[in-house]
Amino acid sequence: EFISKYSPYQNVSPDRTYPPVLITTSTR
């Protein structure tokens, strides 16, 4: 109930204007 309110993946919206984001990670 409280996690769902902020979990980014579940809260992506097409209706808000997001700033550009660079996402980086590592396969390993």
PDB file of all heavy atoms in Angstrom:
ATOM      1  N   GLU A   1       0.824  -1.201   0.000  1.00  0.00           N
ATOM      2  CA  GLU A   1       0.000   0.000   0.000  1.00  0.00           C
ATOM      3  C   GLU A   1       0.865   1.260   0.000  1.00  0.00           C
ATOM      4  O   GLU A   1       0.601   2.209  -0.742  1.00  0.00           O
ATOM      5  CB  GLU A   1      -0.929   0.005   1.217  1.00  0.00           C
ATOM      6  CG  GLU A   1      -1.777   1.251   1.387  1.00  0.00           C
ATOM      7  CD  GLU A   1      -2.781   1.459   0.259  1.00  0.00           C
ATOM      8  OE1 GLU A   1      -3.161   0.471  -0.401  1.00  0.00           O
ATOM      9  OE2 GLU A   1      -3.192   2.622   0.031  1.00  0.00           O
ATOM     10  N   PHE A   2       1.934   1.297   0.832  1.00  0.00           N
ATOM     11  CA  PHE A   2       2.779   2.498   0.825  1.00  0.00           C
ATOM     12  C   PHE A   2       3.891   2.417  -0.224  1.00  0.00           C
ATOM     13  O   PHE A   2       4.300   3.438  -0.766  1.00  0.00           O
ATOM     14  CB  PHE A   2       3.339   2.812   2.222  1.00  0.00           C
ATOM     15  CG  PHE A   2       4.180   1.729   2.866  1.00  0.00           C
ATOM     16  CD1 PHE A   2       5.493   1.510   2.482  1.00  0.00           C
ATOM     17  CD2 PHE A   2       3.660   0.961   3.900  1.00  0.00           C
ATOM     18  CE1 PHE A   2       6.267   0.539   3.094  1.00  0.00           C
ATOM     19  CE2 PHE A   2       4.429  -0.017   4.526  1.00  0.00           C
ATOM     20  CZ  PHE A   2       5.735  -0.231   4.120  1.00  0.00           C
ATOM     21  N   ILE A   3       4.363   1.206  -0.540  1.00  0.00           N
ATOM     22  CA  ILE A   3       5.398   1.089  -1.573  1.00  0.00           C
ATOM     23  C   ILE A   3       4.850   1.489  -2.940  1.00  0.00           C
ATOM     24  O   ILE A   3       5.522   2.161  -3.730  1.00  0.00           O
ATOM     25  CB  ILE A   3       5.950  -0.349  -1.631  1.00  0.00           C
ATOM     26  CG1 ILE A   3       6.657  -0.712  -0.328  1.00  0.00           C
ATOM     27  CG2 ILE A   3       6.924  -0.515  -2.801  1.00  0.00           C
ATOM     28  CD1 ILE A   3       7.038  -2.177  -0.228  1.00  0.00           C
ATOM     29  N   SER A   4       3.622   1.075  -3.217  1.00  0.00           N
ATOM     30  CA  SER A   4       3.029   1.316  -4.538  1.00  0.00           C
ATOM     31  C   SER A   4       2.873   2.800  -4.844  1.00  0.00           C
ATOM     32  O   SER A   4       2.827   3.193  -6.009  1.00  0.00           O
ATOM     33  CB  SER A   4       1.662   0.631  -4.640  1.00  0.00           C
ATOM     34  OG  SER A   4       0.736   1.200  -3.714  1.00  0.00           O
ATOM     35  N   LYS A   5       2.797   3.612  -3.805  1.00  0.00           N
ATOM     36  CA  LYS A   5       2.604   5.041  -4.022  1.00  0.00           C
ATOM     37  C   LYS A   5       3.844   5.707  -4.621  1.00  0.00           C
ATOM     38  O   LYS A   5       3.748   6.755  -5.254  1.00  0.00           O
ATOM     39  CB  LYS A   5       2.214   5.726  -2.710  1.00  0.00           C
ATOM     40  CG  LYS A   5       0.804   5.400  -2.234  1.00  0.00           C
ATOM     41  CD  LYS A   5       0.483   6.129  -0.943  1.00  0.00           C
ATOM     42  CE  LYS A   5      -0.998   6.024  -0.590  1.00  0.00           C
ATOM     43  NZ  LYS A   5      -1.455   4.630  -0.446  1.00  0.00           N
ATOM     44  N   TYR A   6       5.047   5.092  -4.389  1.00  0.00           N
ATOM     45  CA  TYR A   6       6.251   5.747  -4.898  1.00  0.00           C
ATOM     46  C   TYR A   6       7.038   4.901  -5.894  1.00  0.00           C
ATOM     47  O   TYR A   6       7.951   5.420  -6.536  1.00  0.00           O
ATOM     48  CB  TYR A   6       7.164   6.163  -3.742  1.00  0.00           C
ATOM     49  CG  TYR A   6       7.873   5.027  -3.038  1.00  0.00           C
ATOM     50  CD1 TYR A   6       8.993   4.413  -3.595  1.00  0.00           C
ATOM     51  CD2 TYR A   6       7.444   4.584  -1.786  1.00  0.00           C
ATOM     52  CE1 TYR A   6       9.658   3.378  -2.942  1.00  0.00           C
ATOM     53  CE2 TYR A   6       8.101   3.554  -1.122  1.00  0.00           C
ATOM     54  CZ  TYR A   6       9.202   2.957  -1.706  1.00  0.00           C
ATOM     55  OH  TYR A   6       9.852   1.940  -1.063  1.00  0.00           O
ATOM     56  N   SER A   7       6.742   3.614  -6.022  1.00  0.00           N
ATOM     57  CA  SER A   7       7.535   2.759  -6.900  1.00  0.00           C
ATOM     58  C   SER A   7       7.575   3.343  -8.313  1.00  0.00           C
ATOM     59  O   SER A   7       6.551   3.418  -8.994  1.00  0.00           O
ATOM     60  CB  SER A   7       6.943   1.348  -6.947  1.00  0.00           C
ATOM     61  OG  SER A   7       7.710   0.527  -7.813  1.00  0.00           O
ATOM     62  N   PRO A   8       8.741   3.774  -8.785  1.00  0.00           N
ATOM     63  CA  PRO A   8       8.800   4.512 -10.061  1.00  0.00           C
ATOM     64  C   PRO A   8       8.247   3.729 -11.251  1.00  0.00           C
ATOM     65  O   PRO A   8       7.514   4.296 -12.076  1.00  0.00           O
ATOM     66  CB  PRO A   8      10.296   4.802 -10.229  1.00  0.00           C
ATOM     67  CG  PRO A   8      10.824   4.832  -8.838  1.00  0.00           C
ATOM     68  CD  PRO A   8      10.056   3.770  -8.111  1.00  0.00           C
ATOM     69  N   TYR A   9       8.580   2.449 -11.347  1.00  0.00           N
ATOM     70  CA  TYR A   9       8.177   1.664 -12.515  1.00  0.00           C
ATOM     71  C   TYR A   9       6.665   1.589 -12.639  1.00  0.00           C
ATOM     72  O   TYR A   9       6.121   1.605 -13.756  1.00  0.00           O
ATOM     73  CB  TYR A   9       8.787   0.262 -12.417  1.00  0.00           C
ATOM     74  CG  TYR A   9       8.522  -0.638 -13.592  1.00  0.00           C
ATOM     75  CD1 TYR A   9       8.871  -0.271 -14.887  1.00  0.00           C
ATOM     76  CD2 TYR A   9       7.938  -1.902 -13.397  1.00  0.00           C
ATOM     77  CE1 TYR A   9       8.636  -1.118 -15.955  1.00  0.00           C
ATOM     78  CE2 TYR A   9       7.711  -2.752 -14.462  1.00  0.00           C
ATOM     79  CZ  TYR A   9       8.052  -2.356 -15.739  1.00  0.00           C
ATOM     80  OH  TYR A   9       7.826  -3.209 -16.799  1.00  0.00           O
ATOM     81  N   GLN A  10       5.982   1.491 -11.518  1.00  0.00           N
ATOM     82  CA  GLN A  10       4.522   1.399 -11.542  1.00  0.00           C
ATOM     83  C   GLN A  10       3.846   2.764 -11.664  1.00  0.00           C
ATOM     84  O   GLN A  10       2.622   2.830 -11.794  1.00  0.00           O
ATOM     85  CB  GLN A  10       4.009   0.684 -10.277  1.00  0.00           C
ATOM     86  CG  GLN A  10       4.119  -0.830 -10.319  1.00  0.00           C
ATOM     87  CD  GLN A  10       5.532  -1.322 -10.124  1.00  0.00           C
ATOM     88  OE1 GLN A  10       6.325  -0.674  -9.462  1.00  0.00           O
ATOM     89  NE2 GLN A  10       5.862  -2.480 -10.697  1.00  0.00           N
ATOM     90  N   ASN A  11       4.619   3.841 -11.601  1.00  0.00           N
ATOM     91  CA  ASN A  11       4.016   5.170 -11.614  1.00  0.00           C
ATOM     92  C   ASN A  11       4.435   6.019 -12.817  1.00  0.00           C
ATOM     93  O   ASN A  11       4.263   7.243 -12.798  1.00  0.00           O
ATOM     94  CB  ASN A  11       4.366   5.904 -10.311  1.00  0.00           C
ATOM     95  CG  ASN A  11       3.514   5.435  -9.148  1.00  0.00           C
ATOM     96  OD1 ASN A  11       2.354   5.801  -9.018  1.00  0.00           O
ATOM     97  ND2 ASN A  11       4.096   4.587  -8.295  1.00  0.00           N
ATOM     98  N   VAL A  12       4.959   5.375 -13.855  1.00  0.00           N
ATOM     99  CA  VAL A  12       5.270   6.104 -15.086  1.00  0.00           C
ATOM    100  C   VAL A  12       3.965   6.581 -15.722  1.00  0.00           C
ATOM    101  O   VAL A  12       2.998   5.814 -15.844  1.00  0.00           O
ATOM    102  CB  VAL A  12       6.045   5.211 -16.066  1.00  0.00           C
ATOM    103  CG1 VAL A  12       6.180   5.892 -17.428  1.00  0.00           C
ATOM    104  CG2 VAL A  12       7.425   4.871 -15.500  1.00  0.00           C
ATOM    105  N   SER A  13       3.943   7.836 -16.112  1.00  0.00           N
ATOM    106  CA  SER A  13       2.725   8.423 -16.672  1.00  0.00           C
ATOM    107  C   SER A  13       3.000   9.058 -18.029  1.00  0.00           C
ATOM    108  O   SER A  13       4.011   9.741 -18.203  1.00  0.00           O
ATOM    109  CB  SER A  13       2.170   9.492 -15.723  1.00  0.00           C
ATOM    110  OG  SER A  13       1.133  10.228 -16.344  1.00  0.00           O
ATOM    111  N   PRO A  14       2.097   8.861 -18.983  1.00  0.00           N
ATOM    112  CA  PRO A  14       2.237   9.559 -20.268  1.00  0.00           C
ATOM    113  C   PRO A  14       1.652  10.965 -20.224  1.00  0.00           C
ATOM    114  O   PRO A  14       1.787  11.727 -21.193  1.00  0.00           O
ATOM    115  CB  PRO A  14       1.438   8.671 -21.224  1.00  0.00           C
ATOM    116  CG  PRO A  14       0.364   8.074 -20.358  1.00  0.00           C
ATOM    117  CD  PRO A  14       0.975   7.893 -18.992  1.00  0.00           C
ATOM    118  N   ASP A  15       1.025  11.317 -19.104  1.00  0.00           N
ATOM    119  CA  ASP A  15       0.257  12.554 -19.044  1.00  0.00           C
ATOM    120  C   ASP A  15       0.999  13.703 -18.374  1.00  0.00           C
ATOM    121  O   ASP A  15       0.501  14.823 -18.349  1.00  0.00           O
ATOM    122  CB  ASP A  15      -1.058  12.313 -18.294  1.00  0.00           C
ATOM    123  CG  ASP A  15      -1.906  11.244 -18.966  1.00  0.00           C
ATOM    124  OD1 ASP A  15      -1.924  11.207 -20.207  1.00  0.00           O
ATOM    125  OD2 ASP A  15      -2.528  10.436 -18.247  1.00  0.00           O
ATOM    126  N   ARG A  16       2.188  13.426 -17.776  1.00  0.00           N
ATOM    127  CA  ARG A  16       2.968  14.478 -17.139  1.00  0.00           C
ATOM    128  C   ARG A  16       4.218  14.755 -17.984  1.00  0.00           C
ATOM    129  O   ARG A  16       4.678  13.895 -18.732  1.00  0.00           O
ATOM    130  CB  ARG A  16       3.381  14.091 -15.720  1.00  0.00           C
ATOM    131  CG  ARG A  16       2.198  13.801 -14.812  1.00  0.00           C
ATOM    132  CD  ARG A  16       2.650  13.579 -13.377  1.00  0.00           C
ATOM    133  NE  ARG A  16       3.125  14.817 -12.760  1.00  0.00           N
ATOM    134  CZ  ARG A  16       3.547  14.895 -11.500  1.00  0.00           C
ATOM    135  NH1 ARG A  16       3.593  13.795 -10.743  1.00  0.00           N
ATOM    136  NH2 ARG A  16       3.956  16.055 -10.987  1.00  0.00           N
ATOM    137  N   THR A  17       4.747  15.949 -17.861  1.00  0.00           N
ATOM    138  CA  THR A  17       5.954  16.317 -18.590  1.00  0.00           C
ATOM    139  C   THR A  17       7.165  15.980 -17.734  1.00  0.00           C
ATOM    140  O   THR A  17       7.362  16.569 -16.667  1.00  0.00           O
ATOM    141  CB  THR A  17       5.948  17.818 -18.927  1.00  0.00           C
ATOM    142  OG1 THR A  17       4.794  18.112 -19.722  1.00  0.00           O
ATOM    143  CG2 THR A  17       7.215  18.196 -19.683  1.00  0.00           C
ATOM    144  N   TYR A  18       7.963  15.024 -18.200  1.00  0.00           N
ATOM    145  CA  TYR A  18       9.156  14.608 -17.469  1.00  0.00           C
ATOM    146  C   TYR A  18      10.387  15.313 -18.029  1.00  0.00           C
ATOM    147  O   TYR A  18      10.472  15.556 -19.248  1.00  0.00           O
ATOM    148  CB  TYR A  18       9.382  13.099 -17.598  1.00  0.00           C
ATOM    149  CG  TYR A  18       8.405  12.224 -16.867  1.00  0.00           C
ATOM    150  CD1 TYR A  18       8.456  10.846 -17.016  1.00  0.00           C
ATOM    151  CD2 TYR A  18       7.432  12.744 -16.008  1.00  0.00           C
ATOM    152  CE1 TYR A  18       7.578  10.003 -16.350  1.00  0.00           C
ATOM    153  CE2 TYR A  18       6.539  11.924 -15.340  1.00  0.00           C
ATOM    154  CZ  TYR A  18       6.606  10.547 -15.514  1.00  0.00           C
ATOM    155  OH  TYR A  18       5.733   9.726 -14.861  1.00  0.00           O
ATOM    156  N   PRO A  19      11.361  15.598 -17.176  1.00  0.00           N
ATOM    157  CA  PRO A  19      12.635  16.106 -17.695  1.00  0.00           C
ATOM    158  C   PRO A  19      13.410  14.983 -18.368  1.00  0.00           C
ATOM    159  O   PRO A  19      13.165  13.797 -18.095  1.00  0.00           O
ATOM    160  CB  PRO A  19      13.356  16.582 -16.432  1.00  0.00           C
ATOM    161  CG  PRO A  19      12.828  15.694 -15.349  1.00  0.00           C
ATOM    162  CD  PRO A  19      11.381  15.459 -15.707  1.00  0.00           C
ATOM    163  N   PRO A  20      14.356  15.280 -19.240  1.00  0.00           N
ATOM    164  CA  PRO A  20      15.198  14.232 -19.824  1.00  0.00           C
ATOM    165  C   PRO A  20      15.932  13.465 -18.720  1.00  0.00           C
ATOM    166  O   PRO A  20      16.389  14.056 -17.736  1.00  0.00           O
ATOM    167  CB  PRO A  20      16.179  15.003 -20.711  1.00  0.00           C
ATOM    168  CG  PRO A  20      15.499  16.304 -20.978  1.00  0.00           C
ATOM    169  CD  PRO A  20      14.693  16.620 -19.761  1.00  0.00           C
ATOM    170  N   VAL A  21      16.052  12.161 -18.905  1.00  0.00           N
ATOM    171  CA  VAL A  21      16.729  11.327 -17.919  1.00  0.00           C
ATOM    172  C   VAL A  21      17.711  10.409 -18.630  1.00  0.00           C
ATOM    173  O   VAL A  21      17.426   9.879 -19.707  1.00  0.00           O
ATOM    174  CB  VAL A  21      15.723  10.514 -17.079  1.00  0.00           C
ATOM    175  CG1 VAL A  21      14.863   9.604 -17.945  1.00  0.00           C
ATOM    176  CG2 VAL A  21      16.442   9.696 -16.005  1.00  0.00           C
ATOM    177  N   LEU A  22      18.901  10.254 -18.035  1.00  0.00           N
ATOM    178  CA  LEU A  22      19.882   9.272 -18.482  1.00  0.00           C
ATOM    179  C   LEU A  22      19.904   8.155 -17.449  1.00  0.00           C
ATOM    180  O   LEU A  22      20.178   8.397 -16.270  1.00  0.00           O
ATOM    181  CB  LEU A  22      21.274   9.900 -18.610  1.00  0.00           C
ATOM    182  CG  LEU A  22      22.430   8.926 -18.874  1.00  0.00           C
ATOM    183  CD1 LEU A  22      22.274   8.237 -20.226  1.00  0.00           C
ATOM    184  CD2 LEU A  22      23.780   9.649 -18.781  1.00  0.00           C
ATOM    185  N   ILE A  23      19.627   6.928 -17.891  1.00  0.00           N
ATOM    186  CA  ILE A  23      19.639   5.765 -17.010  1.00  0.00           C
ATOM    187  C   ILE A  23      20.836   4.895 -17.374  1.00  0.00           C
ATOM    188  O   ILE A  23      20.997   4.522 -18.540  1.00  0.00           O
ATOM    189  CB  ILE A  23      18.326   4.965 -17.131  1.00  0.00           C
ATOM    190  CG1 ILE A  23      17.138   5.843 -16.706  1.00  0.00           C
ATOM    191  CG2 ILE A  23      18.378   3.699 -16.294  1.00  0.00           C
ATOM    192  CD1 ILE A  23      15.778   5.147 -16.820  1.00  0.00           C
ATOM    193  N   THR A  24      21.662   4.583 -16.389  1.00  0.00           N
ATOM    194  CA  THR A  24      22.845   3.751 -16.636  1.00  0.00           C
ATOM    195  C   THR A  24      22.840   2.564 -15.686  1.00  0.00           C
ATOM    196  O   THR A  24      22.353   2.647 -14.560  1.00  0.00           O
ATOM    197  CB  THR A  24      24.154   4.537 -16.435  1.00  0.00           C
ATOM    198  OG1 THR A  24      24.391   4.748 -15.035  1.00  0.00           O
ATOM    199  CG2 THR A  24      24.116   5.871 -17.151  1.00  0.00           C
ATOM    200  N   THR A  25      23.418   1.452 -16.154  1.00  0.00           N
ATOM    201  CA  THR A  25      23.535   0.265 -15.309  1.00  0.00           C
ATOM    202  C   THR A  25      24.672  -0.597 -15.843  1.00  0.00           C
ATOM    203  O   THR A  25      25.420  -0.191 -16.735  1.00  0.00           O
ATOM    204  CB  THR A  25      22.214  -0.518 -15.261  1.00  0.00           C
ATOM    205  OG1 THR A  25      22.303  -1.532 -14.253  1.00  0.00           O
ATOM    206  CG2 THR A  25      21.889  -1.159 -16.596  1.00  0.00           C
ATOM    207  N   SER A  26      24.815  -1.799 -15.260  1.00  0.00           N
ATOM    208  CA  SER A  26      25.857  -2.733 -15.666  1.00  0.00           C
ATOM    209  C   SER A  26      25.273  -4.128 -15.787  1.00  0.00           C
ATOM    210  O   SER A  26      24.525  -4.569 -14.899  1.00  0.00           O
ATOM    211  CB  SER A  26      26.993  -2.735 -14.633  1.00  0.00           C
ATOM    212  OG  SER A  26      27.812  -3.869 -14.794  1.00  0.00           O
ATOM    213  N   THR A  27      25.606  -4.813 -16.858  1.00  0.00           N
ATOM    214  CA  THR A  27      25.153  -6.198 -17.032  1.00  0.00           C
ATOM    215  C   THR A  27      25.660  -7.078 -15.906  1.00  0.00           C
ATOM    216  O   THR A  27      24.976  -8.022 -15.481  1.00  0.00           O
ATOM    217  CB  THR A  27      25.644  -6.752 -18.382  1.00  0.00           C
ATOM    218  OG1 THR A  27      25.352  -5.807 -19.415  1.00  0.00           O
ATOM    219  CG2 THR A  27      24.996  -8.086 -18.705  1.00  0.00           C
ATOM    220  N   ARG A  28      26.870  -6.784 -15.401  1.00  0.00           N
ATOM    221  CA  ARG A  28      27.501  -7.616 -14.376  1.00  0.00           C
ATOM    222  C   ARG A  28      27.156  -7.180 -12.959  1.00  0.00           C
ATOM    223  O   ARG A  28      27.758  -7.663 -12.004  1.00  0.00           O
ATOM    224  CB  ARG A  28      29.017  -7.598 -14.557  1.00  0.00           C
ATOM    225  CG  ARG A  28      29.514  -8.333 -15.772  1.00  0.00           C
ATOM    226  CD  ARG A  28      29.304  -9.839 -15.641  1.00  0.00           C
ATOM    227  NE  ARG A  28      30.116 -10.407 -14.557  1.00  0.00           N
ATOM    228  CZ  ARG A  28      29.978 -11.640 -14.092  1.00  0.00           C
ATOM    229  NH1 ARG A  28      29.049 -12.426 -14.592  1.00  0.00           N
ATOM    230  NH2 ARG A  28      30.752 -12.084 -13.129  1.00  0.00           N
TER     231      ARG A  28
END
